[in-house]
Structures are given as structure tokens and as C-alpha cells.
N, C-alpha and C. Protein backbone atom coordinates (compact mmCIF):
# COMPACT_ATOMS: atom_id res chain seq x y z
N MET A 1 295.86 181.25 -121.37
CA MET A 1 295.58 181.82 -120.07
C MET A 1 295.05 183.25 -120.25
N VAL A 2 293.97 183.57 -119.52
CA VAL A 2 293.35 184.88 -119.61
C VAL A 2 294.04 185.82 -118.64
N LYS A 3 294.43 186.98 -119.16
CA LYS A 3 295.10 187.97 -118.31
C LYS A 3 294.03 188.80 -117.59
N THR A 4 294.20 188.97 -116.28
CA THR A 4 293.26 189.73 -115.47
C THR A 4 293.75 191.17 -115.37
N THR A 5 292.88 192.09 -115.74
CA THR A 5 293.25 193.50 -115.67
C THR A 5 292.95 194.05 -114.27
N SER A 6 293.49 195.23 -113.99
CA SER A 6 293.22 195.84 -112.69
C SER A 6 291.74 196.19 -112.56
N HIS A 7 291.10 196.51 -113.69
CA HIS A 7 289.67 196.79 -113.67
C HIS A 7 288.90 195.53 -113.27
N ASP A 8 289.32 194.37 -113.79
CA ASP A 8 288.69 193.10 -113.43
C ASP A 8 288.87 192.81 -111.94
N LYS A 9 290.08 193.05 -111.43
CA LYS A 9 290.34 192.81 -110.01
C LYS A 9 289.48 193.74 -109.15
N GLN A 10 289.35 194.99 -109.59
CA GLN A 10 288.53 195.96 -108.86
C GLN A 10 287.08 195.51 -108.85
N ALA A 11 286.59 195.06 -109.99
CA ALA A 11 285.21 194.60 -110.09
C ALA A 11 284.98 193.37 -109.21
N LEU A 12 285.96 192.48 -109.17
CA LEU A 12 285.86 191.28 -108.35
C LEU A 12 285.81 191.64 -106.86
N LEU A 13 286.66 192.56 -106.43
CA LEU A 13 286.66 192.97 -105.03
C LEU A 13 285.34 193.66 -104.68
N THR A 14 284.86 194.52 -105.56
CA THR A 14 283.58 195.19 -105.32
C THR A 14 282.46 194.17 -105.21
N LYS A 15 282.47 193.17 -106.09
CA LYS A 15 281.45 192.12 -106.04
C LYS A 15 281.55 191.34 -104.73
N PHE A 16 282.77 191.04 -104.32
CA PHE A 16 283.02 190.32 -103.07
C PHE A 16 282.45 191.10 -101.89
N LEU A 17 282.78 192.39 -101.83
CA LEU A 17 282.30 193.22 -100.72
C LEU A 17 280.78 193.40 -100.78
N SER A 18 280.23 193.52 -101.98
CA SER A 18 278.79 193.67 -102.13
C SER A 18 278.05 192.41 -101.68
N ARG A 19 278.62 191.24 -101.97
CA ARG A 19 278.01 189.97 -101.52
C ARG A 19 278.01 189.91 -100.00
N ILE A 20 279.07 190.38 -99.40
CA ILE A 20 279.13 190.41 -97.95
C ILE A 20 278.04 191.32 -97.41
N CYS A 21 277.87 192.47 -98.05
CA CYS A 21 276.85 193.43 -97.63
C CYS A 21 275.47 192.80 -97.66
N ARG A 22 275.23 191.99 -98.65
CA ARG A 22 273.92 191.35 -98.80
C ARG A 22 273.84 190.04 -98.03
N ARG A 23 274.85 189.75 -97.23
CA ARG A 23 274.90 188.58 -96.36
C ARG A 23 274.79 187.27 -97.14
N LYS A 24 275.32 187.25 -98.36
CA LYS A 24 275.30 186.03 -99.14
C LYS A 24 276.51 185.16 -98.85
N MET A 25 277.45 185.69 -98.08
CA MET A 25 278.62 184.90 -97.71
C MET A 25 278.53 184.64 -96.22
N ALA A 26 278.65 183.40 -95.85
CA ALA A 26 278.54 183.02 -94.44
C ALA A 26 279.63 183.71 -93.62
N GLY A 27 279.31 184.10 -92.40
CA GLY A 27 280.24 184.82 -91.54
C GLY A 27 281.55 184.10 -91.32
N GLU A 28 281.49 182.79 -91.09
CA GLU A 28 282.70 182.03 -90.82
C GLU A 28 283.61 182.00 -92.05
N LEU A 29 283.02 181.78 -93.23
CA LEU A 29 283.80 181.78 -94.47
C LEU A 29 284.41 183.16 -94.70
N PHE A 30 283.61 184.18 -94.46
CA PHE A 30 284.08 185.54 -94.63
C PHE A 30 285.31 185.79 -93.74
N ASP A 31 285.21 185.41 -92.46
CA ASP A 31 286.33 185.61 -91.54
C ASP A 31 287.58 184.88 -92.00
N GLN A 32 287.42 183.67 -92.51
CA GLN A 32 288.56 182.89 -92.98
C GLN A 32 289.23 183.56 -94.17
N VAL A 33 288.42 184.08 -95.09
CA VAL A 33 288.97 184.73 -96.28
C VAL A 33 289.67 186.03 -95.90
N VAL A 34 289.01 186.87 -95.11
CA VAL A 34 289.52 188.18 -94.77
C VAL A 34 290.75 188.11 -93.87
N ASP A 35 290.81 187.13 -92.99
CA ASP A 35 291.95 187.00 -92.08
C ASP A 35 293.27 186.86 -92.83
N HIS A 36 293.22 186.32 -94.04
CA HIS A 36 294.44 186.06 -94.80
C HIS A 36 294.81 187.19 -95.75
N ILE A 37 294.02 188.25 -95.76
CA ILE A 37 294.30 189.37 -96.65
C ILE A 37 294.83 190.53 -95.80
N PRO A 38 296.07 190.96 -96.01
CA PRO A 38 296.59 192.10 -95.25
C PRO A 38 295.76 193.37 -95.49
N ALA A 39 295.65 194.21 -94.47
CA ALA A 39 294.85 195.43 -94.56
C ALA A 39 295.30 196.31 -95.72
N ALA A 40 296.61 196.45 -95.90
CA ALA A 40 297.13 197.31 -96.97
C ALA A 40 296.70 196.80 -98.35
N VAL A 41 296.64 195.49 -98.52
CA VAL A 41 296.20 194.91 -99.79
C VAL A 41 294.73 195.22 -100.03
N LEU A 42 293.92 195.06 -99.00
CA LEU A 42 292.49 195.39 -99.13
C LEU A 42 292.31 196.85 -99.54
N VAL A 43 293.04 197.74 -98.90
CA VAL A 43 292.90 199.16 -99.19
C VAL A 43 293.40 199.47 -100.60
N ASN A 44 294.55 198.95 -100.96
CA ASN A 44 295.09 199.22 -102.29
C ASN A 44 294.16 198.74 -103.39
N ARG A 45 293.50 197.63 -103.18
CA ARG A 45 292.57 197.09 -104.17
C ARG A 45 291.22 197.82 -104.14
N SER A 46 290.99 198.61 -103.12
CA SER A 46 289.69 199.25 -102.92
C SER A 46 289.68 200.73 -103.19
N ARG A 47 290.76 201.28 -103.66
CA ARG A 47 290.88 202.74 -103.81
C ARG A 47 289.80 203.36 -104.68
N ASN A 48 289.31 202.64 -105.68
CA ASN A 48 288.33 203.22 -106.59
C ASN A 48 286.91 202.76 -106.34
N ILE A 49 286.69 202.07 -105.25
CA ILE A 49 285.33 201.62 -104.95
C ILE A 49 284.49 202.83 -104.54
N THR A 50 283.32 202.92 -105.14
CA THR A 50 282.42 204.03 -104.82
C THR A 50 281.15 203.55 -104.12
N ASP A 51 280.90 202.26 -104.13
CA ASP A 51 279.72 201.70 -103.49
C ASP A 51 279.82 201.93 -101.98
N THR A 52 278.88 202.69 -101.42
CA THR A 52 278.96 203.06 -100.01
C THR A 52 278.84 201.85 -99.09
N HIS A 53 278.00 200.89 -99.45
CA HIS A 53 277.87 199.68 -98.62
C HIS A 53 279.19 198.92 -98.57
N ALA A 54 279.85 198.82 -99.70
CA ALA A 54 281.13 198.12 -99.75
C ALA A 54 282.18 198.86 -98.91
N LEU A 55 282.15 200.18 -98.95
CA LEU A 55 283.11 200.96 -98.15
C LEU A 55 282.87 200.78 -96.65
N VAL A 56 281.62 200.74 -96.24
CA VAL A 56 281.29 200.53 -94.83
C VAL A 56 281.78 199.15 -94.39
N VAL A 57 281.52 198.14 -95.21
CA VAL A 57 281.98 196.78 -94.88
C VAL A 57 283.50 196.75 -94.79
N LEU A 58 284.16 197.41 -95.70
CA LEU A 58 285.62 197.43 -95.68
C LEU A 58 286.13 198.12 -94.41
N CYS A 59 285.50 199.21 -94.00
CA CYS A 59 285.88 199.86 -92.73
C CYS A 59 285.70 198.90 -91.57
N ASN A 60 284.62 198.15 -91.57
CA ASN A 60 284.37 197.20 -90.49
C ASN A 60 285.40 196.08 -90.49
N ILE A 61 285.85 195.68 -91.66
CA ILE A 61 286.92 194.68 -91.76
C ILE A 61 288.21 195.26 -91.16
N LEU A 62 288.51 196.50 -91.51
CA LEU A 62 289.76 197.12 -91.08
C LEU A 62 289.80 197.40 -89.57
N ARG A 63 288.64 197.46 -88.94
CA ARG A 63 288.58 197.65 -87.48
C ARG A 63 289.32 196.52 -86.77
N LYS A 64 289.30 195.34 -87.36
CA LYS A 64 289.87 194.15 -86.72
C LYS A 64 291.32 193.91 -87.09
N LYS A 65 291.87 194.75 -87.96
CA LYS A 65 293.23 194.52 -88.44
C LYS A 65 294.17 195.60 -87.94
N LYS A 66 295.43 195.24 -87.87
CA LYS A 66 296.47 196.21 -87.50
C LYS A 66 296.59 197.22 -88.64
N SER A 67 296.61 198.48 -88.29
CA SER A 67 296.62 199.53 -89.30
C SER A 67 298.04 199.95 -89.68
N SER A 68 298.25 200.10 -90.97
CA SER A 68 299.51 200.62 -91.48
C SER A 68 299.29 202.09 -91.81
N PRO A 69 300.36 202.85 -92.06
CA PRO A 69 300.17 204.27 -92.41
C PRO A 69 299.28 204.48 -93.63
N SER A 70 299.40 203.63 -94.64
CA SER A 70 298.57 203.81 -95.84
C SER A 70 297.09 203.52 -95.54
N VAL A 71 296.83 202.54 -94.68
CA VAL A 71 295.46 202.24 -94.28
C VAL A 71 294.89 203.39 -93.46
N ALA A 72 295.69 203.91 -92.55
CA ALA A 72 295.24 205.04 -91.72
C ALA A 72 294.91 206.25 -92.59
N ARG A 73 295.75 206.54 -93.57
CA ARG A 73 295.48 207.68 -94.47
C ARG A 73 294.18 207.47 -95.23
N TRP A 74 293.97 206.24 -95.72
CA TRP A 74 292.77 205.94 -96.48
C TRP A 74 291.53 206.12 -95.60
N LEU A 75 291.59 205.61 -94.37
CA LEU A 75 290.46 205.77 -93.46
C LEU A 75 290.23 207.25 -93.13
N MET A 76 291.31 208.00 -92.93
CA MET A 76 291.16 209.44 -92.65
C MET A 76 290.55 210.17 -93.84
N ASP A 77 290.89 209.75 -95.05
CA ASP A 77 290.27 210.34 -96.23
C ASP A 77 288.76 210.07 -96.24
N LEU A 78 288.36 208.90 -95.76
CA LEU A 78 286.93 208.56 -95.72
C LEU A 78 286.15 209.42 -94.73
N LEU A 79 286.84 210.06 -93.80
CA LEU A 79 286.16 210.97 -92.87
C LEU A 79 285.55 212.16 -93.61
N ARG A 80 286.02 212.40 -94.84
CA ARG A 80 285.49 213.50 -95.67
C ARG A 80 284.48 213.00 -96.70
N HIS A 81 284.14 211.73 -96.66
CA HIS A 81 283.22 211.14 -97.65
C HIS A 81 281.86 211.81 -97.54
N ASN A 82 281.14 211.87 -98.66
CA ASN A 82 279.84 212.54 -98.64
C ASN A 82 278.75 211.71 -97.97
N ASP A 83 278.98 210.42 -97.76
CA ASP A 83 277.99 209.56 -97.11
C ASP A 83 278.28 209.48 -95.61
N SER A 84 277.29 209.78 -94.80
CA SER A 84 277.50 209.79 -93.35
C SER A 84 277.78 208.40 -92.80
N GLY A 85 277.23 207.36 -93.41
CA GLY A 85 277.50 206.00 -92.96
C GLY A 85 278.95 205.62 -93.15
N VAL A 86 279.54 206.07 -94.24
CA VAL A 86 280.96 205.81 -94.50
C VAL A 86 281.82 206.59 -93.50
N ARG A 87 281.47 207.87 -93.26
CA ARG A 87 282.22 208.67 -92.28
C ARG A 87 282.16 208.02 -90.89
N SER A 88 280.99 207.55 -90.53
CA SER A 88 280.81 206.92 -89.22
C SER A 88 281.64 205.64 -89.10
N ALA A 89 281.61 204.80 -90.12
CA ALA A 89 282.38 203.55 -90.11
C ALA A 89 283.88 203.82 -90.08
N ALA A 90 284.31 204.84 -90.80
CA ALA A 90 285.74 205.19 -90.81
C ALA A 90 286.17 205.68 -89.42
N ALA A 91 285.32 206.49 -88.77
CA ALA A 91 285.64 206.98 -87.42
C ALA A 91 285.77 205.81 -86.46
N GLU A 92 284.85 204.88 -86.55
CA GLU A 92 284.88 203.71 -85.66
C GLU A 92 286.14 202.88 -85.90
N ALA A 93 286.49 202.67 -87.16
CA ALA A 93 287.68 201.88 -87.50
C ALA A 93 288.95 202.57 -87.00
N LEU A 94 289.02 203.88 -87.13
CA LEU A 94 290.20 204.61 -86.67
C LEU A 94 290.35 204.52 -85.16
N GLY A 95 289.26 204.62 -84.45
CA GLY A 95 289.32 204.51 -82.99
C GLY A 95 289.70 203.11 -82.55
N ASP A 96 289.07 202.11 -83.15
CA ASP A 96 289.34 200.72 -82.76
C ASP A 96 290.75 200.29 -83.11
N SER A 97 291.29 200.82 -84.19
CA SER A 97 292.64 200.40 -84.59
C SER A 97 293.74 201.27 -83.96
N GLY A 98 293.34 202.26 -83.17
CA GLY A 98 294.31 203.05 -82.40
C GLY A 98 295.15 204.01 -83.21
N VAL A 99 294.58 204.58 -84.27
CA VAL A 99 295.32 205.50 -85.13
C VAL A 99 295.29 206.90 -84.49
N ARG A 100 296.29 207.18 -83.65
CA ARG A 100 296.34 208.45 -82.90
C ARG A 100 296.43 209.67 -83.81
N SER A 101 297.07 209.52 -84.96
CA SER A 101 297.20 210.66 -85.87
C SER A 101 295.85 211.13 -86.42
N ALA A 102 294.82 210.30 -86.28
CA ALA A 102 293.50 210.67 -86.78
C ALA A 102 292.72 211.52 -85.79
N ALA A 103 293.18 211.61 -84.55
CA ALA A 103 292.43 212.29 -83.49
C ALA A 103 292.03 213.73 -83.85
N PRO A 104 292.94 214.57 -84.39
CA PRO A 104 292.50 215.94 -84.72
C PRO A 104 291.37 215.97 -85.76
N LYS A 105 291.42 215.10 -86.74
CA LYS A 105 290.35 215.07 -87.75
C LYS A 105 289.04 214.54 -87.15
N LEU A 106 289.16 213.54 -86.29
CA LEU A 106 287.97 213.03 -85.61
C LEU A 106 287.36 214.11 -84.71
N PHE A 107 288.21 214.90 -84.07
CA PHE A 107 287.74 215.97 -83.21
C PHE A 107 286.98 217.02 -84.01
N GLU A 108 287.51 217.39 -85.16
CA GLU A 108 286.82 218.36 -86.02
C GLU A 108 285.46 217.83 -86.46
N LEU A 109 285.41 216.55 -86.80
CA LEU A 109 284.16 215.92 -87.23
C LEU A 109 283.16 215.88 -86.07
N PHE A 110 283.65 215.59 -84.88
CA PHE A 110 282.78 215.56 -83.70
C PHE A 110 282.18 216.94 -83.42
N LYS A 111 282.99 217.98 -83.53
CA LYS A 111 282.53 219.34 -83.23
C LYS A 111 281.51 219.86 -84.24
N ASP A 112 281.51 219.32 -85.44
CA ASP A 112 280.61 219.77 -86.50
C ASP A 112 279.20 219.23 -86.24
N THR A 113 278.35 220.06 -85.67
CA THR A 113 277.00 219.62 -85.29
C THR A 113 276.08 219.43 -86.49
N THR A 114 276.55 219.72 -87.70
CA THR A 114 275.73 219.43 -88.88
C THR A 114 275.84 217.96 -89.27
N ASN A 115 276.80 217.23 -88.69
CA ASN A 115 276.92 215.81 -88.95
C ASN A 115 275.80 215.04 -88.28
N GLN A 116 275.48 213.89 -88.84
CA GLN A 116 274.49 213.02 -88.23
C GLN A 116 274.95 212.66 -86.81
N VAL A 117 274.01 212.43 -85.92
CA VAL A 117 274.33 212.11 -84.53
C VAL A 117 275.20 210.86 -84.45
N TYR A 118 274.88 209.83 -85.24
CA TYR A 118 275.66 208.60 -85.15
C TYR A 118 277.10 208.78 -85.62
N VAL A 119 277.36 209.73 -86.49
CA VAL A 119 278.74 210.04 -86.89
C VAL A 119 279.46 210.67 -85.70
N ARG A 120 278.81 211.62 -85.06
CA ARG A 120 279.41 212.28 -83.90
C ARG A 120 279.60 211.29 -82.74
N ASP A 121 278.65 210.36 -82.58
CA ASP A 121 278.79 209.32 -81.55
C ASP A 121 280.07 208.51 -81.77
N ASN A 122 280.28 208.05 -82.99
CA ASN A 122 281.46 207.24 -83.27
C ASN A 122 282.75 208.05 -83.15
N CYS A 123 282.68 209.33 -83.46
CA CYS A 123 283.84 210.19 -83.26
C CYS A 123 284.16 210.32 -81.78
N ALA A 124 283.13 210.52 -80.95
CA ALA A 124 283.35 210.63 -79.51
C ALA A 124 283.97 209.35 -78.96
N MET A 125 283.44 208.21 -79.38
CA MET A 125 283.98 206.93 -78.93
C MET A 125 285.46 206.81 -79.33
N ALA A 126 285.74 207.16 -80.59
CA ALA A 126 287.13 207.08 -81.08
C ALA A 126 288.04 208.02 -80.31
N LEU A 127 287.58 209.23 -80.03
CA LEU A 127 288.39 210.17 -79.26
C LEU A 127 288.71 209.63 -77.87
N GLY A 128 287.73 208.95 -77.28
CA GLY A 128 287.97 208.33 -75.98
C GLY A 128 288.97 207.19 -76.08
N LEU A 129 288.82 206.35 -77.08
CA LEU A 129 289.75 205.23 -77.25
C LEU A 129 291.17 205.71 -77.54
N LEU A 130 291.27 206.84 -78.24
CA LEU A 130 292.58 207.39 -78.57
C LEU A 130 293.12 208.30 -77.46
N LYS A 131 292.31 208.50 -76.42
CA LYS A 131 292.70 209.33 -75.26
C LYS A 131 293.17 210.73 -75.68
N TYR A 132 292.34 211.36 -76.51
CA TYR A 132 292.68 212.67 -77.07
C TYR A 132 292.30 213.77 -76.08
N HIS A 133 293.26 214.24 -75.32
CA HIS A 133 293.05 215.22 -74.25
C HIS A 133 292.47 216.54 -74.74
N LYS A 134 292.80 216.92 -75.96
CA LYS A 134 292.32 218.22 -76.47
C LYS A 134 290.81 218.24 -76.67
N ALA A 135 290.17 217.08 -76.64
CA ALA A 135 288.72 217.01 -76.85
C ALA A 135 287.92 217.14 -75.55
N VAL A 136 288.59 217.17 -74.42
CA VAL A 136 287.89 217.11 -73.13
C VAL A 136 286.87 218.23 -72.97
N ARG A 137 287.24 219.47 -73.22
CA ARG A 137 286.30 220.59 -73.03
C ARG A 137 285.05 220.43 -73.89
N GLU A 138 285.25 220.06 -75.14
CA GLU A 138 284.11 219.88 -76.05
C GLU A 138 283.24 218.71 -75.62
N LEU A 139 283.86 217.63 -75.16
CA LEU A 139 283.11 216.48 -74.67
C LEU A 139 282.32 216.85 -73.41
N GLU A 140 282.92 217.66 -72.56
CA GLU A 140 282.20 218.13 -71.36
C GLU A 140 280.97 218.93 -71.75
N LYS A 141 281.11 219.81 -72.73
CA LYS A 141 279.95 220.59 -73.21
C LYS A 141 278.87 219.66 -73.76
N SER A 142 279.30 218.59 -74.41
CA SER A 142 278.36 217.67 -75.04
C SER A 142 277.57 216.83 -74.05
N LEU A 143 277.97 216.85 -72.79
CA LEU A 143 277.19 216.17 -71.76
C LEU A 143 275.80 216.80 -71.62
N ASP A 144 275.65 218.04 -72.10
CA ASP A 144 274.36 218.73 -72.06
C ASP A 144 273.62 218.68 -73.39
N SER A 145 274.06 217.84 -74.31
CA SER A 145 273.41 217.72 -75.62
C SER A 145 271.97 217.25 -75.48
N GLU A 146 271.15 217.65 -76.41
CA GLU A 146 269.76 217.17 -76.43
C GLU A 146 269.70 215.70 -76.86
N HIS A 147 270.78 215.20 -77.46
CA HIS A 147 270.81 213.83 -77.96
C HIS A 147 271.38 212.89 -76.90
N ARG A 148 270.59 211.92 -76.51
CA ARG A 148 270.98 210.96 -75.48
C ARG A 148 272.28 210.26 -75.81
N THR A 149 272.44 209.82 -77.06
CA THR A 149 273.64 209.06 -77.41
C THR A 149 274.89 209.93 -77.40
N ILE A 150 274.74 211.20 -77.71
CA ILE A 150 275.90 212.12 -77.62
C ILE A 150 276.33 212.25 -76.16
N ARG A 151 275.36 212.38 -75.26
CA ARG A 151 275.69 212.46 -73.83
C ARG A 151 276.37 211.17 -73.37
N LEU A 152 275.85 210.03 -73.81
CA LEU A 152 276.38 208.73 -73.41
C LEU A 152 277.81 208.53 -73.92
N THR A 153 278.04 208.79 -75.21
CA THR A 153 279.37 208.58 -75.77
C THR A 153 280.37 209.61 -75.25
N SER A 154 279.89 210.80 -74.94
CA SER A 154 280.78 211.81 -74.35
C SER A 154 281.24 211.38 -72.97
N ALA A 155 280.32 210.82 -72.19
CA ALA A 155 280.69 210.32 -70.86
C ALA A 155 281.70 209.18 -70.99
N PHE A 156 281.45 208.26 -71.92
CA PHE A 156 282.38 207.16 -72.15
C PHE A 156 283.77 207.71 -72.49
N ALA A 157 283.80 208.66 -73.42
CA ALA A 157 285.07 209.22 -73.88
C ALA A 157 285.81 209.91 -72.74
N LEU A 158 285.09 210.68 -71.93
CA LEU A 158 285.73 211.36 -70.80
C LEU A 158 286.33 210.37 -69.81
N GLY A 159 285.62 209.28 -69.57
CA GLY A 159 286.15 208.26 -68.68
C GLY A 159 287.40 207.61 -69.24
N ASN A 160 287.39 207.35 -70.53
CA ASN A 160 288.55 206.72 -71.17
C ASN A 160 289.76 207.65 -71.24
N ILE A 161 289.50 208.92 -71.52
CA ILE A 161 290.61 209.87 -71.62
C ILE A 161 291.30 209.98 -70.27
N GLY A 162 290.51 209.99 -69.21
CA GLY A 162 291.07 209.87 -67.87
C GLY A 162 291.55 211.13 -67.20
N LEU A 163 291.20 212.29 -67.70
CA LEU A 163 291.59 213.53 -67.02
C LEU A 163 290.64 213.79 -65.85
N ARG A 164 291.20 213.89 -64.68
CA ARG A 164 290.38 214.08 -63.48
C ARG A 164 289.61 215.40 -63.50
N SER A 165 290.05 216.33 -64.32
CA SER A 165 289.35 217.61 -64.42
C SER A 165 287.93 217.44 -64.96
N ALA A 166 287.65 216.33 -65.62
CA ALA A 166 286.31 216.08 -66.17
C ALA A 166 285.33 215.62 -65.09
N ARG A 167 285.85 215.29 -63.92
CA ARG A 167 285.02 214.76 -62.84
C ARG A 167 283.88 215.71 -62.47
N GLU A 168 284.18 216.98 -62.35
CA GLU A 168 283.17 217.96 -61.95
C GLU A 168 282.02 218.03 -62.96
N SER A 169 282.34 218.03 -64.24
CA SER A 169 281.31 218.07 -65.29
C SER A 169 280.45 216.81 -65.27
N LEU A 170 281.09 215.67 -65.08
CA LEU A 170 280.34 214.40 -65.02
C LEU A 170 279.43 214.36 -63.80
N GLU A 171 279.92 214.80 -62.66
CA GLU A 171 279.11 214.81 -61.43
C GLU A 171 277.92 215.76 -61.57
N ALA A 172 278.15 216.91 -62.18
CA ALA A 172 277.06 217.88 -62.38
C ALA A 172 275.99 217.30 -63.30
N ARG A 173 276.41 216.62 -64.34
CA ARG A 173 275.44 216.03 -65.27
C ARG A 173 274.67 214.90 -64.60
N LEU A 174 275.34 214.14 -63.78
CA LEU A 174 274.69 213.01 -63.11
C LEU A 174 273.50 213.46 -62.27
N THR A 175 273.60 214.64 -61.67
CA THR A 175 272.52 215.13 -60.80
C THR A 175 271.25 215.50 -61.57
N VAL A 176 271.37 215.81 -62.86
CA VAL A 176 270.20 216.22 -63.64
C VAL A 176 269.81 215.21 -64.73
N GLU A 177 270.65 214.22 -64.99
CA GLU A 177 270.39 213.26 -66.07
C GLU A 177 269.20 212.36 -65.71
N ARG A 178 268.32 212.16 -66.68
CA ARG A 178 267.13 211.33 -66.46
C ARG A 178 267.24 209.96 -67.13
N ASP A 179 268.06 209.86 -68.16
CA ASP A 179 268.18 208.61 -68.91
C ASP A 179 269.09 207.64 -68.15
N HIS A 180 268.60 206.44 -67.91
CA HIS A 180 269.35 205.47 -67.11
C HIS A 180 270.63 204.99 -67.79
N SER A 181 270.61 204.84 -69.11
CA SER A 181 271.83 204.38 -69.79
C SER A 181 272.91 205.45 -69.76
N VAL A 182 272.52 206.71 -69.83
CA VAL A 182 273.50 207.80 -69.73
C VAL A 182 274.03 207.88 -68.30
N LYS A 183 273.13 207.73 -67.33
CA LYS A 183 273.58 207.71 -65.93
C LYS A 183 274.61 206.61 -65.70
N ASP A 184 274.33 205.43 -66.25
CA ASP A 184 275.27 204.31 -66.11
C ASP A 184 276.63 204.65 -66.72
N ALA A 185 276.60 205.28 -67.90
CA ALA A 185 277.86 205.66 -68.56
C ALA A 185 278.63 206.68 -67.72
N ILE A 186 277.90 207.60 -67.11
CA ILE A 186 278.54 208.62 -66.26
C ILE A 186 279.16 207.96 -65.02
N VAL A 187 278.43 207.06 -64.39
CA VAL A 187 278.94 206.37 -63.21
C VAL A 187 280.20 205.57 -63.57
N LEU A 188 280.19 204.89 -64.71
CA LEU A 188 281.38 204.15 -65.16
C LEU A 188 282.56 205.10 -65.41
N ALA A 189 282.26 206.23 -66.04
CA ALA A 189 283.33 207.21 -66.31
C ALA A 189 283.92 207.72 -65.00
N LEU A 190 283.05 208.03 -64.04
CA LEU A 190 283.54 208.50 -62.74
C LEU A 190 284.37 207.44 -62.03
N ALA A 191 283.97 206.19 -62.17
CA ALA A 191 284.74 205.09 -61.56
C ALA A 191 286.13 205.00 -62.20
N LYS A 192 286.20 205.18 -63.50
CA LYS A 192 287.50 205.16 -64.18
C LYS A 192 288.38 206.32 -63.72
N LEU A 193 287.77 207.48 -63.51
CA LEU A 193 288.52 208.64 -63.08
C LEU A 193 288.99 208.52 -61.63
N ALA A 194 288.30 207.70 -60.85
CA ALA A 194 288.67 207.53 -59.44
C ALA A 194 289.89 206.63 -59.27
N LYS A 195 290.23 205.87 -60.28
CA LYS A 195 291.37 204.93 -60.18
C LYS A 195 292.69 205.64 -60.18
């Protein structure tokens, strides 16, 4: 019997994730395989993966799973990754899995305007899903961003957070907003605040 080393297991997991990235594994088969692997096991086996595509896929897998403290820490560590795609995927996974302890780090990442817009978008969405009240003022300021998606995700986040104090900022933006998708997001946010 051949003994499998941890390096072999790491290589196998990396190959598995890389195949998924290249869409060589059918979606249904992938779901069946991944559903049976606990999130903590995936993370523990993935600690040394450096392939950015594999890390993004792993973040997307973890979005659908219940997060444990070790998984949350690993995802929060990825918020500091040098690849913006990995940071963005980690932010999305943290928001979707409801990791409230990540909110301050997501807020810092959102405020950093040197980040790619899509990273900041996913941070705004996550802050809204986590209902992080401390982000409200910054999200209100972002309603005036030159980037359409930042305005849209900020409106979504403000609606989800649910502080009625954001109503005035949303109404003011609605009067000058020209983009229809942003207007729709603002109207939805205002409707949520009216409840």
C-alpha cells in the first residue's frame, strides 16, 4: 500500500480545484462531491494553496457552507491577499455566510479607495448583509461615487442595514441619479426603510 503524504493530498486538492476552475468537472458532480466535505476540512487542506483561481473557487464553495471560526479566520486572512479577485471572493463569502466578526475588516477594505471597484462592491454588499451599522456614514458618502456599482451596492447595503437615518441620503441621491439600476436599488432601499 502506498502511503499518501500531506504534500500529495495538497497537490490533489489543488488539482481538484484547478479542474473546477477550468470547468472540466460537471456542475452536478461538483456539487455532490463538495456537499459531503465539511468547510473546515476544505480549509485545512487548502492552507498552502497559492493558485489564485483555486482560492477564488474555494471562497465560492464556502459561500454555500456554514462557517466555523477557523473558516471565518481563513476567509478574513484572504481579505489581505495580494490578488484583488481573491479579496473580492473572500468578502462575498464572509457576507453570504454571515460572519459578523468580519465586518470591521470588510469596512476597512471598503473604505480603501485604492482597491478595485469590484472588491469594494462586494465589501458593501457584505456590510449590508451583516447589518454593520458603523458603515452607514461611509455608505451614505459612497452614494455620490463616480462608480455606478459603488452607488448601487451602497444603496443595497443601506437598505439592508435598516437605519432610518439613511433615508435622507437615499432620497437626496434619488433626485439626481441618472442610472436606472441605481435608481431601482435606491427605491428598494427606501422601501425596506419604510417597513
